[in-house]
């Protein structure tokens, strides 16, 4: 049963990393290259869609990693799982304090109501997001290592 939990948790966190990585390095660059207001509209839509999904994914992943750490306490590699949990906690704190406030503003923007500094706010979100992606890649790497 513990093996199934370990594999399921690692796959779930890996998928989350893949989605967040693609947002940073594929989707947002594509949106930013679109003409006129298309990119901003796409980011607003993405903020609404992923803004609803990602909190569940992040908290669910953290809960599964914590369960893995408790269920496997004393096993080799548990310290890696605990460290991965700490990194996922950091990613949630980063999200709540840094990314969510910008996302909550951005998801309501239209070409008619967006602030003049909307591009700077999106660049700030991108910088915070790059850091968060690095943190969750670290957590995923630790989980894969613990699994192996």
Protein backbone atom coordinates (compact mmCIF):
# COMPACT_ATOMS: atom_id res chain seq x y z
CA UNK A 1 0.00 0.00 0.00
CA UNK A 2 2.86 2.37 0.82
CA UNK A 3 4.41 1.69 -2.59
CA UNK A 4 1.17 2.70 -4.33
CA UNK A 5 1.04 5.91 -2.26
CA UNK A 6 4.66 6.71 -3.13
CA UNK A 7 4.15 6.17 -6.86
CA UNK A 8 0.81 8.01 -6.98
CA UNK A 9 2.20 10.97 -5.03
CA UNK A 10 5.32 11.17 -7.21
CA UNK A 11 3.27 11.08 -10.41
CA UNK A 12 0.83 13.72 -9.11
CA UNK A 13 3.66 16.07 -8.07
CA UNK A 14 5.45 15.39 -11.36
CA UNK A 15 2.36 16.35 -13.35
CA UNK A 16 2.04 19.54 -11.30
CA UNK A 17 5.67 20.38 -12.03
CA UNK A 18 5.06 19.75 -15.73
CA UNK A 19 2.05 22.04 -15.85
CA UNK A 20 3.82 24.83 -13.97
CA UNK A 21 6.96 24.42 -16.08
CA UNK A 22 4.93 24.67 -19.27
CA UNK A 23 3.16 27.79 -17.99
CA UNK A 24 6.55 29.45 -17.47
CA UNK A 25 8.42 28.31 -20.52
CA UNK A 26 5.76 27.53 -23.13
CA UNK A 27 2.31 29.03 -22.54
CA UNK A 28 3.22 32.50 -21.24
CA UNK A 29 5.88 33.11 -23.92
CA UNK A 30 3.30 32.14 -26.57
CA UNK A 31 0.69 34.45 -25.02
CA UNK A 32 3.21 37.28 -24.76
CA UNK A 33 3.97 36.96 -28.48
CA UNK A 34 0.33 37.29 -29.57
CA UNK A 35 -0.78 40.55 -31.18
CA UNK A 36 -2.64 43.36 -29.50
CA UNK A 37 -4.69 42.38 -26.44
CA UNK A 38 -4.78 38.64 -27.10
CA UNK A 39 -1.94 37.79 -24.71
CA UNK A 40 -3.43 39.71 -21.82
CA UNK A 41 -6.83 38.13 -22.42
CA UNK A 42 -5.22 34.69 -22.52
CA UNK A 43 -3.37 35.31 -19.27
CA UNK A 44 -6.60 36.47 -17.62
CA UNK A 45 -8.38 33.31 -18.75
CA UNK A 46 -5.46 31.15 -17.61
CA UNK A 47 -5.49 32.93 -14.26
CA UNK A 48 -9.14 32.06 -13.78
CA UNK A 49 -8.82 28.47 -14.97
CA UNK A 50 -5.56 27.49 -13.28
CA UNK A 51 -6.27 29.73 -10.31
CA UNK A 52 -9.20 27.46 -9.49
CA UNK A 53 -7.32 24.18 -10.03
CA UNK A 54 -3.83 24.78 -8.66
CA UNK A 55 -4.70 25.41 -4.98
CA UNK A 56 -6.33 21.97 -4.81
CA UNK A 57 -3.37 20.42 -6.62
CA UNK A 58 -0.75 22.08 -4.39
CA UNK A 59 -2.54 21.31 -1.11
CA UNK A 60 -3.44 17.80 -2.25
CA UNK A 61 0.17 17.11 -3.23
CA UNK A 62 1.40 18.41 0.10
CA UNK A 63 -1.11 16.27 1.99
CA UNK A 64 -0.03 13.14 0.08
CA UNK A 65 3.65 13.87 0.69
CA UNK A 66 2.94 14.36 4.40
CA UNK A 67 1.01 11.08 4.46
CA UNK A 68 3.95 9.36 2.73
CA UNK A 69 6.35 10.78 5.32
CA UNK A 70 4.21 9.57 8.22
CA UNK A 71 3.45 6.15 6.70
CA UNK A 72 7.08 5.57 5.79
CA UNK A 73 8.59 7.03 8.95
CA UNK A 74 11.89 5.34 9.68
CA UNK A 75 12.31 3.96 6.17
CA UNK A 76 15.38 4.92 4.14
CA UNK A 77 14.69 8.11 2.24
CA UNK A 78 12.09 9.48 4.65
CA UNK A 79 14.30 12.50 5.30
CA UNK A 80 14.07 13.25 1.55
CA UNK A 81 10.27 13.07 1.68
CA UNK A 82 10.18 15.38 4.71
CA UNK A 83 12.44 17.85 2.89
CA UNK A 84 10.19 17.63 -0.18
CA UNK A 85 7.21 18.41 2.08
CA UNK A 86 9.06 21.45 3.43
CA UNK A 87 9.66 22.65 -0.13
CA UNK A 88 6.00 22.15 -0.99
CA UNK A 89 5.06 24.18 2.09
CA UNK A 90 7.40 26.90 0.85
CA UNK A 91 5.71 26.78 -2.58
CA UNK A 92 2.28 27.20 -0.98
CA UNK A 93 3.51 30.14 1.13
CA UNK A 94 5.08 31.71 -1.97
CA UNK A 95 1.82 31.22 -3.84
CA UNK A 96 -0.35 32.80 -1.16
CA UNK A 97 1.94 35.72 -0.41
CA UNK A 98 3.41 36.53 -3.83
CA UNK A 99 1.55 35.00 -6.76
CA UNK A 100 -2.12 34.83 -5.75
CA UNK A 101 -2.50 38.58 -5.11
CA UNK A 102 -1.19 39.38 -8.60
CA UNK A 103 -3.23 36.56 -10.16
CA UNK A 104 -6.41 37.73 -8.42
CA UNK A 105 -5.99 41.15 -9.98
CA UNK A 106 -4.91 39.88 -13.38
CA UNK A 107 -7.72 37.42 -13.87
CA UNK A 108 -10.25 40.27 -13.82
CA UNK A 109 -8.47 42.46 -16.35
CA UNK A 110 -9.80 43.29 -19.76
CA UNK A 111 -8.32 45.73 -22.27
CA UNK A 112 -10.79 48.29 -20.93
CA UNK A 113 -10.03 48.02 -17.19
CA UNK A 114 -6.42 46.83 -16.86
CA UNK A 115 -3.98 49.16 -15.10
CA UNK A 116 -1.24 50.93 -17.01
CA UNK A 117 1.43 48.83 -15.28
CA UNK A 118 -0.20 45.49 -16.14
CA UNK A 119 2.84 44.29 -18.10
CA UNK A 120 5.15 45.02 -15.17
CA UNK A 121 2.79 43.14 -12.85
CA UNK A 122 2.80 40.15 -15.21
CA UNK A 123 6.60 40.23 -15.35
CA UNK A 124 6.71 40.29 -11.55
CA UNK A 125 4.32 37.30 -11.46
CA UNK A 126 6.56 35.51 -13.97
CA UNK A 127 9.66 36.07 -11.80
CA UNK A 128 7.92 34.74 -8.70
CA UNK A 129 6.58 31.83 -10.74
CA UNK A 130 10.09 30.90 -11.98
CA UNK A 131 11.22 30.73 -8.35
CA UNK A 132 8.21 28.62 -7.39
CA UNK A 133 8.85 26.26 -10.30
CA UNK A 134 12.44 25.81 -9.09
CA UNK A 135 11.15 24.98 -5.60
CA UNK A 136 8.65 22.38 -6.80
CA UNK A 137 11.22 20.85 -9.17
CA UNK A 138 13.41 20.43 -6.09
CA UNK A 139 10.56 18.75 -4.22
CA UNK A 140 9.85 16.44 -7.15
CA UNK A 141 13.51 15.53 -7.47
CA UNK A 142 13.63 14.60 -3.78
CA UNK A 143 10.52 12.44 -4.14
CA UNK A 144 11.96 10.61 -7.16
CA UNK A 145 15.20 10.06 -5.26
CA UNK A 146 13.30 8.75 -2.22
CA UNK A 147 11.26 6.47 -4.47
CA UNK A 148 14.41 5.06 -6.04
